[in-house]
Amino acid sequence: MRSTERPRPSIRLREGKVEWTAGLFFLLFLGIFLCAQLQIESYRATALYLEDALAASNLASAVIDIREYGISNAVRIADPQAAYERYEAALKENLGLDENWECANQGLITGPVNVEDYIVYNVREDVVTAWHVEENGTVWEEKGVLGKFCSPEGIPVEATGVYSELSFPVKGFLGVTVEARKGKLVDIVVN
């Protein structure tokens, strides 16, 4: 009589199979971790590059009215529209942008740079006057109390200065492109 049951295959465990599987898993994990770290460092380099360029461009546009300063010792930016034009020229120079506002260094910024916000703050006694300059050239005014008036990034405005914010695309890991934003406030303090 023959049995109709199939014989069970014999399972032989080879030594080290678990170690090989665990080793490959950890190697894959290490590869993903290193790629993530590389991407984070790339984003950090872009942020530092933009922060320096923004600070320099804001300072280039923050030209005070010397006549007013000589008469009343008040630090004031007289013409927000002219300051915005100086800002655009300095930003194009500092970031190496072409006429389409695209950066030559595609590794850091992969598309056109947009000026999202440009604000000139004039402080006189306890009043802060914010002049918002739009890309199309329109200028509108906002007033607040010194110590309670903050920039869009939440920093209290304590002296005359300039705030600007940019947005730009950054190419990430595996070709993923993300939209990044960077803002910076600079103050003009005369001692």
N, C-alpha and C. Protein backbone atom coordinates (compact mmCIF):
# COMPACT_ATOMS: atom_id res chain seq x y z
N MET A 1 0.81 -1.17 0.00
CA MET A 1 0.00 0.00 0.00
C MET A 1 0.86 1.24 0.00
N ARG A 2 0.45 2.12 -0.86
CA ARG A 2 1.19 3.39 -0.94
C ARG A 2 0.38 4.50 -0.31
N SER A 3 1.06 5.40 0.30
CA SER A 3 0.39 6.54 0.91
C SER A 3 0.15 7.60 -0.16
N THR A 4 -1.03 8.19 -0.15
CA THR A 4 -1.36 9.24 -1.10
C THR A 4 -0.89 10.61 -0.63
N GLU A 5 -0.40 10.69 0.55
CA GLU A 5 0.12 11.96 1.04
C GLU A 5 1.46 12.25 0.40
N ARG A 6 1.65 13.50 0.17
CA ARG A 6 2.94 13.93 -0.37
C ARG A 6 3.96 13.94 0.75
N PRO A 7 5.14 13.56 0.43
CA PRO A 7 6.15 13.62 1.47
C PRO A 7 6.53 15.07 1.76
N ARG A 8 6.80 15.38 2.97
CA ARG A 8 7.20 16.73 3.36
C ARG A 8 8.63 16.98 2.90
N PRO A 9 8.80 18.19 2.29
CA PRO A 9 10.18 18.49 1.91
C PRO A 9 10.99 18.78 3.16
N SER A 10 12.19 18.37 3.12
CA SER A 10 13.04 18.63 4.28
C SER A 10 13.60 20.05 4.17
N ILE A 11 13.51 20.75 5.23
CA ILE A 11 13.99 22.13 5.28
C ILE A 11 15.32 22.12 6.01
N ARG A 12 16.29 22.59 5.30
CA ARG A 12 17.61 22.69 5.92
C ARG A 12 17.95 24.17 6.09
N LEU A 13 18.25 24.53 7.25
CA LEU A 13 18.67 25.90 7.52
C LEU A 13 20.17 25.97 7.37
N ARG A 14 20.54 26.85 6.53
CA ARG A 14 21.97 27.07 6.38
C ARG A 14 22.42 28.07 7.43
N GLU A 15 23.57 27.83 7.92
CA GLU A 15 24.10 28.72 8.93
C GLU A 15 24.36 30.10 8.33
N GLY A 16 23.96 31.17 9.05
CA GLY A 16 24.24 32.53 8.62
C GLY A 16 23.15 33.15 7.77
N LYS A 17 22.07 32.43 7.49
CA LYS A 17 21.02 32.99 6.65
C LYS A 17 20.36 34.19 7.33
N VAL A 18 20.12 34.12 8.61
CA VAL A 18 19.52 35.22 9.35
C VAL A 18 20.49 36.40 9.40
N GLU A 19 21.76 36.12 9.59
CA GLU A 19 22.75 37.19 9.63
C GLU A 19 22.85 37.90 8.29
N TRP A 20 22.80 37.13 7.18
CA TRP A 20 22.84 37.73 5.85
C TRP A 20 21.62 38.62 5.62
N THR A 21 20.46 38.15 5.98
CA THR A 21 19.23 38.94 5.80
C THR A 21 19.29 40.21 6.63
N ALA A 22 19.68 40.10 7.88
CA ALA A 22 19.79 41.28 8.75
C ALA A 22 20.85 42.24 8.23
N GLY A 23 21.95 41.71 7.75
CA GLY A 23 23.01 42.55 7.20
C GLY A 23 22.55 43.31 5.97
N LEU A 24 21.82 42.66 5.07
CA LEU A 24 21.30 43.35 3.88
C LEU A 24 20.27 44.41 4.26
N PHE A 25 19.44 44.10 5.26
CA PHE A 25 18.47 45.09 5.72
C PHE A 25 19.17 46.32 6.28
N PHE A 26 20.18 46.12 7.11
CA PHE A 26 20.91 47.26 7.69
C PHE A 26 21.67 48.03 6.62
N LEU A 27 22.17 47.33 5.61
CA LEU A 27 22.85 48.01 4.51
C LEU A 27 21.88 48.89 3.73
N LEU A 28 20.68 48.38 3.47
CA LEU A 28 19.65 49.18 2.80
C LEU A 28 19.27 50.38 3.65
N PHE A 29 19.08 50.16 4.94
CA PHE A 29 18.75 51.26 5.85
C PHE A 29 19.84 52.31 5.87
N LEU A 30 21.10 51.88 5.90
CA LEU A 30 22.22 52.81 5.90
C LEU A 30 22.25 53.63 4.61
N GLY A 31 21.98 52.99 3.47
CA GLY A 31 21.95 53.71 2.19
C GLY A 31 20.87 54.78 2.17
N ILE A 32 19.68 54.44 2.66
CA ILE A 32 18.59 55.43 2.71
C ILE A 32 18.94 56.55 3.67
N PHE A 33 19.52 56.22 4.81
CA PHE A 33 19.91 57.22 5.79
C PHE A 33 20.94 58.19 5.22
N LEU A 34 21.94 57.66 4.51
CA LEU A 34 22.97 58.52 3.92
C LEU A 34 22.39 59.43 2.84
N CYS A 35 21.47 58.92 2.03
CA CYS A 35 20.81 59.76 1.01
C CYS A 35 20.01 60.88 1.66
N ALA A 36 19.31 60.57 2.75
CA ALA A 36 18.55 61.59 3.47
C ALA A 36 19.48 62.65 4.05
N GLN A 37 20.59 62.23 4.63
CA GLN A 37 21.55 63.19 5.19
C GLN A 37 22.13 64.08 4.09
N LEU A 38 22.43 63.50 2.95
CA LEU A 38 22.95 64.28 1.83
C LEU A 38 21.94 65.32 1.38
N GLN A 39 20.66 64.95 1.33
CA GLN A 39 19.62 65.89 0.93
C GLN A 39 19.45 67.01 1.95
N ILE A 40 19.52 66.67 3.23
CA ILE A 40 19.41 67.69 4.28
C ILE A 40 20.57 68.68 4.18
N GLU A 41 21.77 68.18 3.93
CA GLU A 41 22.93 69.07 3.78
C GLU A 41 22.78 69.96 2.55
N SER A 42 22.20 69.43 1.50
CA SER A 42 21.95 70.23 0.30
C SER A 42 20.97 71.36 0.60
N TYR A 43 19.89 71.05 1.33
CA TYR A 43 18.93 72.09 1.71
C TYR A 43 19.57 73.11 2.64
N ARG A 44 20.43 72.66 3.54
CA ARG A 44 21.11 73.57 4.47
C ARG A 44 22.04 74.52 3.70
N ALA A 45 22.76 74.00 2.71
CA ALA A 45 23.65 74.84 1.91
C ALA A 45 22.85 75.89 1.13
N THR A 46 21.70 75.48 0.58
CA THR A 46 20.84 76.43 -0.13
C THR A 46 20.33 77.51 0.82
N ALA A 47 19.93 77.13 2.03
CA ALA A 47 19.42 78.10 3.00
C ALA A 47 20.50 79.11 3.39
N LEU A 48 21.72 78.65 3.63
CA LEU A 48 22.81 79.57 3.98
C LEU A 48 23.16 80.50 2.83
N TYR A 49 23.17 79.96 1.63
CA TYR A 49 23.46 80.75 0.43
C TYR A 49 22.42 81.87 0.27
N LEU A 50 21.14 81.50 0.44
CA LEU A 50 20.06 82.48 0.30
C LEU A 50 20.05 83.48 1.43
N GLU A 51 20.35 83.04 2.65
CA GLU A 51 20.33 83.96 3.79
C GLU A 51 21.38 85.05 3.62
N ASP A 52 22.57 84.69 3.19
CA ASP A 52 23.63 85.69 2.96
C ASP A 52 23.23 86.64 1.84
N ALA A 53 22.69 86.10 0.75
CA ALA A 53 22.29 86.94 -0.37
C ALA A 53 21.15 87.87 0.01
N LEU A 54 20.20 87.38 0.80
CA LEU A 54 19.09 88.22 1.24
C LEU A 54 19.57 89.35 2.15
N ALA A 55 20.42 89.02 3.10
CA ALA A 55 20.93 90.05 4.01
C ALA A 55 21.69 91.13 3.24
N ALA A 56 22.54 90.73 2.32
CA ALA A 56 23.30 91.70 1.53
C ALA A 56 22.39 92.55 0.64
N SER A 57 21.39 91.93 0.04
CA SER A 57 20.46 92.67 -0.82
C SER A 57 19.60 93.62 -0.01
N ASN A 58 19.14 93.18 1.16
CA ASN A 58 18.36 94.07 2.02
C ASN A 58 19.18 95.27 2.47
N LEU A 59 20.43 95.03 2.85
CA LEU A 59 21.29 96.14 3.26
C LEU A 59 21.59 97.08 2.11
N ALA A 60 21.73 96.53 0.90
CA ALA A 60 21.98 97.39 -0.26
C ALA A 60 20.79 98.30 -0.55
N SER A 61 19.59 97.83 -0.24
CA SER A 61 18.40 98.64 -0.51
C SER A 61 18.07 99.61 0.63
N ALA A 62 18.62 99.39 1.80
CA ALA A 62 18.29 100.19 2.98
C ALA A 62 19.16 101.45 3.07
N VAL A 63 18.99 102.33 2.11
CA VAL A 63 19.73 103.59 2.09
C VAL A 63 18.88 104.65 2.78
N ILE A 64 19.42 105.22 3.85
CA ILE A 64 18.63 106.19 4.63
C ILE A 64 18.71 107.57 4.01
N ASP A 65 17.77 108.41 4.41
CA ASP A 65 17.72 109.80 3.98
C ASP A 65 18.73 110.58 4.83
N ILE A 66 19.86 110.92 4.21
CA ILE A 66 20.95 111.60 4.93
C ILE A 66 20.53 113.00 5.39
N ARG A 67 19.78 113.69 4.56
CA ARG A 67 19.34 115.04 4.90
C ARG A 67 18.49 115.01 6.18
N GLU A 68 17.54 114.06 6.24
CA GLU A 68 16.69 113.92 7.42
C GLU A 68 17.52 113.55 8.65
N TYR A 69 18.49 112.66 8.47
CA TYR A 69 19.34 112.26 9.58
C TYR A 69 20.17 113.43 10.09
N GLY A 70 20.66 114.26 9.17
CA GLY A 70 21.45 115.43 9.57
C GLY A 70 20.64 116.46 10.31
N ILE A 71 19.36 116.59 9.96
CA ILE A 71 18.51 117.59 10.61
C ILE A 71 17.96 117.09 11.95
N SER A 72 17.39 115.87 11.95
CA SER A 72 16.66 115.41 13.14
C SER A 72 17.23 114.16 13.80
N ASN A 73 18.32 113.63 13.29
CA ASN A 73 18.90 112.38 13.78
C ASN A 73 17.94 111.20 13.65
N ALA A 74 16.94 111.31 12.78
CA ALA A 74 15.99 110.22 12.55
C ALA A 74 16.48 109.36 11.38
N VAL A 75 16.52 108.05 11.61
CA VAL A 75 16.92 107.11 10.56
C VAL A 75 15.66 106.71 9.82
N ARG A 76 15.59 107.08 8.53
CA ARG A 76 14.39 106.84 7.74
C ARG A 76 14.77 106.53 6.31
N ILE A 77 14.08 105.54 5.72
CA ILE A 77 14.23 105.24 4.29
C ILE A 77 13.14 106.03 3.58
N ALA A 78 13.56 107.01 2.79
CA ALA A 78 12.61 107.98 2.23
C ALA A 78 11.74 107.41 1.11
N ASP A 79 12.30 106.64 0.19
CA ASP A 79 11.56 106.21 -0.99
C ASP A 79 11.52 104.69 -1.08
N PRO A 80 10.42 104.06 -0.65
CA PRO A 80 10.34 102.59 -0.69
C PRO A 80 10.43 102.02 -2.10
N GLN A 81 9.90 102.72 -3.09
CA GLN A 81 9.95 102.23 -4.47
C GLN A 81 11.39 102.20 -4.98
N ALA A 82 12.16 103.25 -4.70
CA ALA A 82 13.57 103.27 -5.11
C ALA A 82 14.36 102.21 -4.35
N ALA A 83 14.02 101.99 -3.07
CA ALA A 83 14.68 100.94 -2.28
C ALA A 83 14.42 99.57 -2.89
N TYR A 84 13.19 99.35 -3.36
CA TYR A 84 12.84 98.06 -3.98
C TYR A 84 13.62 97.84 -5.28
N GLU A 85 13.80 98.90 -6.05
CA GLU A 85 14.58 98.79 -7.29
C GLU A 85 16.05 98.46 -6.99
N ARG A 86 16.62 99.10 -5.95
CA ARG A 86 17.98 98.77 -5.54
C ARG A 86 18.06 97.32 -5.05
N TYR A 87 17.03 96.88 -4.34
CA TYR A 87 16.96 95.51 -3.83
C TYR A 87 16.97 94.50 -4.98
N GLU A 88 16.14 94.73 -5.98
CA GLU A 88 16.08 93.81 -7.13
C GLU A 88 17.43 93.72 -7.83
N ALA A 89 18.08 94.86 -8.05
CA ALA A 89 19.38 94.86 -8.73
C ALA A 89 20.43 94.13 -7.89
N ALA A 90 20.44 94.38 -6.58
CA ALA A 90 21.41 93.71 -5.70
C ALA A 90 21.13 92.21 -5.61
N LEU A 91 19.86 91.83 -5.57
CA LEU A 91 19.50 90.41 -5.48
C LEU A 91 19.93 89.66 -6.74
N LYS A 92 19.70 90.27 -7.89
CA LYS A 92 20.13 89.63 -9.15
C LYS A 92 21.65 89.45 -9.17
N GLU A 93 22.36 90.41 -8.67
CA GLU A 93 23.82 90.34 -8.64
C GLU A 93 24.30 89.30 -7.61
N ASN A 94 23.72 89.33 -6.42
CA ASN A 94 24.17 88.44 -5.34
C ASN A 94 23.87 86.98 -5.60
N LEU A 95 22.75 86.69 -6.26
CA LEU A 95 22.39 85.31 -6.56
C LEU A 95 22.82 84.85 -7.94
N GLY A 96 23.32 85.78 -8.75
CA GLY A 96 23.73 85.43 -10.11
C GLY A 96 22.53 85.07 -10.98
N LEU A 97 21.47 85.88 -10.89
CA LEU A 97 20.24 85.61 -11.64
C LEU A 97 20.32 86.22 -13.03
N ASP A 98 19.68 85.56 -13.99
CA ASP A 98 19.62 86.10 -15.35
C ASP A 98 18.34 86.94 -15.49
N GLU A 99 18.00 87.31 -16.71
CA GLU A 99 16.83 88.16 -16.96
C GLU A 99 15.52 87.45 -16.63
N ASN A 100 15.50 86.12 -16.62
CA ASN A 100 14.31 85.34 -16.26
C ASN A 100 14.26 85.03 -14.77
N TRP A 101 15.17 85.63 -14.00
CA TRP A 101 15.29 85.43 -12.57
C TRP A 101 15.62 83.98 -12.23
N GLU A 102 16.40 83.32 -13.06
CA GLU A 102 16.84 81.97 -12.81
C GLU A 102 18.32 81.99 -12.45
N CYS A 103 18.68 81.12 -11.52
CA CYS A 103 20.04 81.06 -11.01
C CYS A 103 20.91 80.21 -11.92
N ALA A 104 22.14 80.63 -12.11
CA ALA A 104 23.08 79.86 -12.92
C ALA A 104 23.47 78.57 -12.20
N ASN A 105 23.46 78.57 -10.87
CA ASN A 105 23.79 77.39 -10.08
C ASN A 105 22.53 76.55 -9.88
N GLN A 106 22.24 75.67 -10.82
CA GLN A 106 21.03 74.85 -10.76
C GLN A 106 21.07 73.82 -9.64
N GLY A 107 22.22 73.57 -9.06
CA GLY A 107 22.31 72.64 -7.95
C GLY A 107 21.68 73.19 -6.68
N LEU A 108 21.64 74.51 -6.54
CA LEU A 108 21.04 75.12 -5.36
C LEU A 108 19.62 75.59 -5.61
N ILE A 109 19.41 76.29 -6.70
CA ILE A 109 18.08 76.82 -7.04
C ILE A 109 17.77 76.35 -8.45
N THR A 110 16.68 75.59 -8.61
CA THR A 110 16.42 74.95 -9.91
C THR A 110 15.41 75.66 -10.78
N GLY A 111 14.95 76.81 -10.39
CA GLY A 111 13.96 77.52 -11.21
C GLY A 111 13.98 79.00 -10.89
N PRO A 112 12.95 79.71 -11.34
CA PRO A 112 12.93 81.16 -11.12
C PRO A 112 12.71 81.53 -9.65
N VAL A 113 13.35 82.62 -9.26
CA VAL A 113 13.23 83.16 -7.90
C VAL A 113 12.12 84.20 -7.92
N ASN A 114 11.21 84.14 -6.96
CA ASN A 114 10.11 85.10 -6.86
C ASN A 114 10.24 85.90 -5.56
N VAL A 115 10.05 87.21 -5.67
CA VAL A 115 10.03 88.06 -4.48
C VAL A 115 8.60 88.03 -3.96
N GLU A 116 8.40 87.36 -2.83
CA GLU A 116 7.06 87.20 -2.26
C GLU A 116 6.65 88.41 -1.42
N ASP A 117 7.62 89.00 -0.74
CA ASP A 117 7.30 90.09 0.17
C ASP A 117 8.50 91.02 0.26
N TYR A 118 8.24 92.33 0.22
CA TYR A 118 9.28 93.33 0.43
C TYR A 118 8.65 94.45 1.25
N ILE A 119 9.20 94.69 2.42
CA ILE A 119 8.62 95.68 3.34
C ILE A 119 9.73 96.59 3.87
N VAL A 120 9.48 97.89 3.81
CA VAL A 120 10.38 98.88 4.40
C VAL A 120 9.74 99.35 5.70
N TYR A 121 10.47 99.24 6.80
CA TYR A 121 9.99 99.68 8.10
C TYR A 121 10.70 100.98 8.48
N ASN A 122 9.93 102.02 8.75
CA ASN A 122 10.46 103.27 9.27
C ASN A 122 9.94 103.44 10.69
N VAL A 123 10.86 103.63 11.64
CA VAL A 123 10.50 103.78 13.04
C VAL A 123 10.78 105.21 13.45
N ARG A 124 9.75 105.85 13.98
CA ARG A 124 9.89 107.22 14.49
C ARG A 124 9.17 107.29 15.82
N GLU A 125 9.93 107.54 16.88
CA GLU A 125 9.44 107.56 18.26
C GLU A 125 8.78 106.21 18.57
N ASP A 126 7.46 106.16 18.78
CA ASP A 126 6.78 104.91 19.13
C ASP A 126 5.92 104.38 17.99
N VAL A 127 6.11 104.88 16.79
CA VAL A 127 5.28 104.48 15.65
C VAL A 127 6.14 103.77 14.61
N VAL A 128 5.64 102.62 14.15
CA VAL A 128 6.30 101.88 13.08
C VAL A 128 5.43 102.02 11.84
N THR A 129 6.03 102.51 10.75
CA THR A 129 5.33 102.60 9.48
C THR A 129 5.93 101.56 8.55
N ALA A 130 5.08 100.66 8.07
CA ALA A 130 5.52 99.60 7.16
C ALA A 130 5.03 99.93 5.76
N TRP A 131 5.96 100.01 4.82
CA TRP A 131 5.63 100.24 3.42
C TRP A 131 5.80 98.92 2.67
N HIS A 132 4.70 98.34 2.23
CA HIS A 132 4.72 97.09 1.47
C HIS A 132 4.83 97.44 0.00
N VAL A 133 5.85 96.91 -0.66
CA VAL A 133 6.05 97.17 -2.10
C VAL A 133 5.75 95.87 -2.84
N GLU A 134 4.78 95.95 -3.74
CA GLU A 134 4.39 94.78 -4.53
C GLU A 134 5.26 94.70 -5.78
N GLU A 135 5.25 93.52 -6.41
CA GLU A 135 6.07 93.29 -7.60
C GLU A 135 5.64 94.18 -8.76
N ASN A 136 4.36 94.51 -8.82
CA ASN A 136 3.85 95.35 -9.91
C ASN A 136 4.09 96.84 -9.67
N GLY A 137 4.69 97.20 -8.54
CA GLY A 137 5.04 98.59 -8.27
C GLY A 137 4.11 99.30 -7.32
N THR A 138 3.00 98.69 -6.93
CA THR A 138 2.11 99.34 -5.99
C THR A 138 2.71 99.32 -4.58
N VAL A 139 2.46 100.40 -3.87
CA VAL A 139 2.98 100.55 -2.51
C VAL A 139 1.81 100.85 -1.60
N TRP A 140 1.73 100.13 -0.49
CA TRP A 140 0.69 100.44 0.50
C TRP A 140 1.30 100.49 1.89
N GLU A 141 0.65 101.26 2.75
CA GLU A 141 1.20 101.60 4.06
C GLU A 141 0.41 100.93 5.19
N GLU A 142 1.14 100.59 6.24
CA GLU A 142 0.54 100.01 7.44
C GLU A 142 1.26 100.60 8.64
N LYS A 143 0.52 100.93 9.70
CA LYS A 143 1.15 101.53 10.89
C LYS A 143 0.89 100.65 12.10
N GLY A 144 1.83 100.73 13.05
CA GLY A 144 1.70 99.97 14.28
C GLY A 144 2.49 100.62 15.40
N VAL A 145 2.40 100.02 16.58
CA VAL A 145 3.07 100.53 17.76
C VAL A 145 4.40 99.81 17.94
N LEU A 146 5.43 100.59 18.25
CA LEU A 146 6.76 100.03 18.47
C LEU A 146 6.72 99.02 19.61
N GLY A 147 7.33 97.87 19.40
CA GLY A 147 7.34 96.82 20.40
C GLY A 147 6.25 95.79 20.20
N LYS A 148 5.17 96.16 19.53
CA LYS A 148 4.07 95.23 19.27
C LYS A 148 3.94 94.88 17.79
N PHE A 149 4.65 95.60 16.96
CA PHE A 149 4.58 95.39 15.51
C PHE A 149 5.67 94.39 15.13
N CYS A 150 5.30 93.34 14.42
CA CYS A 150 6.25 92.28 14.08
C CYS A 150 6.36 92.11 12.56
N SER A 151 7.51 91.59 12.13
CA SER A 151 7.72 91.25 10.73
C SER A 151 6.93 89.97 10.43
N PRO A 152 6.76 89.60 9.17
CA PRO A 152 6.03 88.38 8.84
C PRO A 152 6.62 87.11 9.45
N GLU A 153 7.89 87.10 9.79
CA GLU A 153 8.48 85.91 10.41
C GLU A 153 8.37 85.95 11.94
N GLY A 154 7.69 86.97 12.48
CA GLY A 154 7.43 87.03 13.91
C GLY A 154 8.44 87.79 14.74
N ILE A 155 9.41 88.43 14.12
CA ILE A 155 10.42 89.19 14.86
C ILE A 155 9.91 90.61 15.09
N PRO A 156 9.93 91.10 16.34
CA PRO A 156 9.46 92.46 16.61
C PRO A 156 10.35 93.50 15.90
N VAL A 157 9.71 94.49 15.29
CA VAL A 157 10.43 95.56 14.61
C VAL A 157 10.80 96.60 15.66
N GLU A 158 12.12 96.82 15.83
CA GLU A 158 12.60 97.75 16.85
C GLU A 158 13.32 98.95 16.26
N ALA A 159 13.68 98.87 14.98
CA ALA A 159 14.40 99.96 14.33
C ALA A 159 14.05 99.98 12.85
N THR A 160 14.39 101.07 12.20
CA THR A 160 14.17 101.18 10.76
C THR A 160 14.92 100.04 10.07
N GLY A 161 14.27 99.43 9.09
CA GLY A 161 14.90 98.30 8.42
C GLY A 161 14.11 97.82 7.22
N VAL A 162 14.54 96.69 6.68
CA VAL A 162 13.94 96.11 5.49
C VAL A 162 13.73 94.62 5.71
N TYR A 163 12.56 94.13 5.30
CA TYR A 163 12.27 92.70 5.32
C TYR A 163 11.95 92.26 3.89
N SER A 164 12.51 91.13 3.51
CA SER A 164 12.14 90.56 2.21
C SER A 164 12.04 89.05 2.34
N GLU A 165 11.22 88.48 1.47
CA GLU A 165 11.02 87.04 1.46
C GLU A 165 10.99 86.55 0.02
N LEU A 166 11.71 85.46 -0.22
CA LEU A 166 11.79 84.87 -1.56
C LEU A 166 11.19 83.47 -1.55
N SER A 167 10.70 83.05 -2.71
CA SER A 167 10.35 81.65 -2.90
C SER A 167 11.07 81.16 -4.15
N PHE A 168 11.44 79.88 -4.14
CA PHE A 168 12.22 79.33 -5.23
C PHE A 168 12.12 77.81 -5.20
N PRO A 169 12.21 77.15 -6.36
CA PRO A 169 12.18 75.69 -6.36
C PRO A 169 13.57 75.11 -6.09
N VAL A 170 13.58 74.00 -5.35
CA VAL A 170 14.82 73.29 -5.05
C VAL A 170 14.61 71.83 -5.44
N LYS A 171 15.53 71.30 -6.23
CA LYS A 171 15.42 69.91 -6.64
C LYS A 171 15.96 69.02 -5.54
N GLY A 172 15.16 68.03 -5.17
CA GLY A 172 15.53 67.14 -4.09
C GLY A 172 15.92 65.76 -4.56
N PHE A 173 15.86 64.84 -3.63
CA PHE A 173 16.24 63.45 -3.85
C PHE A 173 15.31 62.79 -4.87
N LEU A 174 15.87 62.03 -5.78
CA LEU A 174 15.15 61.31 -6.83
C LEU A 174 14.33 62.24 -7.73
N GLY A 175 14.80 63.45 -7.92
CA GLY A 175 14.17 64.38 -8.84
C GLY A 175 12.95 65.10 -8.30
N VAL A 176 12.66 64.95 -7.03
CA VAL A 176 11.51 65.62 -6.42
C VAL A 176 11.85 67.09 -6.24
N THR A 177 10.97 67.98 -6.72
CA THR A 177 11.19 69.41 -6.59
C THR A 177 10.24 69.97 -5.54
N VAL A 178 10.79 70.73 -4.61
CA VAL A 178 9.98 71.36 -3.56
C VAL A 178 10.12 72.87 -3.66
N GLU A 179 9.08 73.57 -3.23
CA GLU A 179 9.09 75.03 -3.21
C GLU A 179 9.61 75.48 -1.85
N ALA A 180 10.69 76.25 -1.84
CA ALA A 180 11.29 76.73 -0.60
C ALA A 180 11.03 78.23 -0.45
N ARG A 181 11.00 78.69 0.79
CA ARG A 181 10.83 80.11 1.08
C ARG A 181 11.90 80.52 2.09
N LYS A 182 12.39 81.74 1.92
CA LYS A 182 13.39 82.26 2.85
C LYS A 182 13.13 83.75 3.03
N GLY A 183 13.05 84.19 4.28
CA GLY A 183 12.83 85.59 4.59
C GLY A 183 13.91 86.10 5.52
N LYS A 184 14.15 87.42 5.48
CA LYS A 184 15.21 88.01 6.30
C LYS A 184 14.84 89.46 6.63
N LEU A 185 15.02 89.83 7.90
CA LEU A 185 14.84 91.20 8.34
C LEU A 185 16.20 91.77 8.72
N VAL A 186 16.51 92.96 8.19
CA VAL A 186 17.72 93.66 8.59
C VAL A 186 17.33 95.02 9.18
N ASP A 187 18.00 95.40 10.25
CA ASP A 187 17.74 96.67 10.92
C ASP A 187 18.89 97.63 10.66
N ILE A 188 18.56 98.91 10.66
CA ILE A 188 19.58 99.95 10.56
C ILE A 188 19.65 100.64 11.91
N VAL A 189 20.75 100.44 12.60
CA VAL A 189 20.92 101.03 13.92
C VAL A 189 22.16 101.91 13.87
N VAL A 190 21.97 103.17 14.26
CA VAL A 190 23.08 104.12 14.25
C VAL A 190 23.41 104.44 15.71
N ASN A 191 24.65 104.26 16.06
CA ASN A 191 25.10 104.54 17.43
C ASN A 191 25.81 105.86 17.51
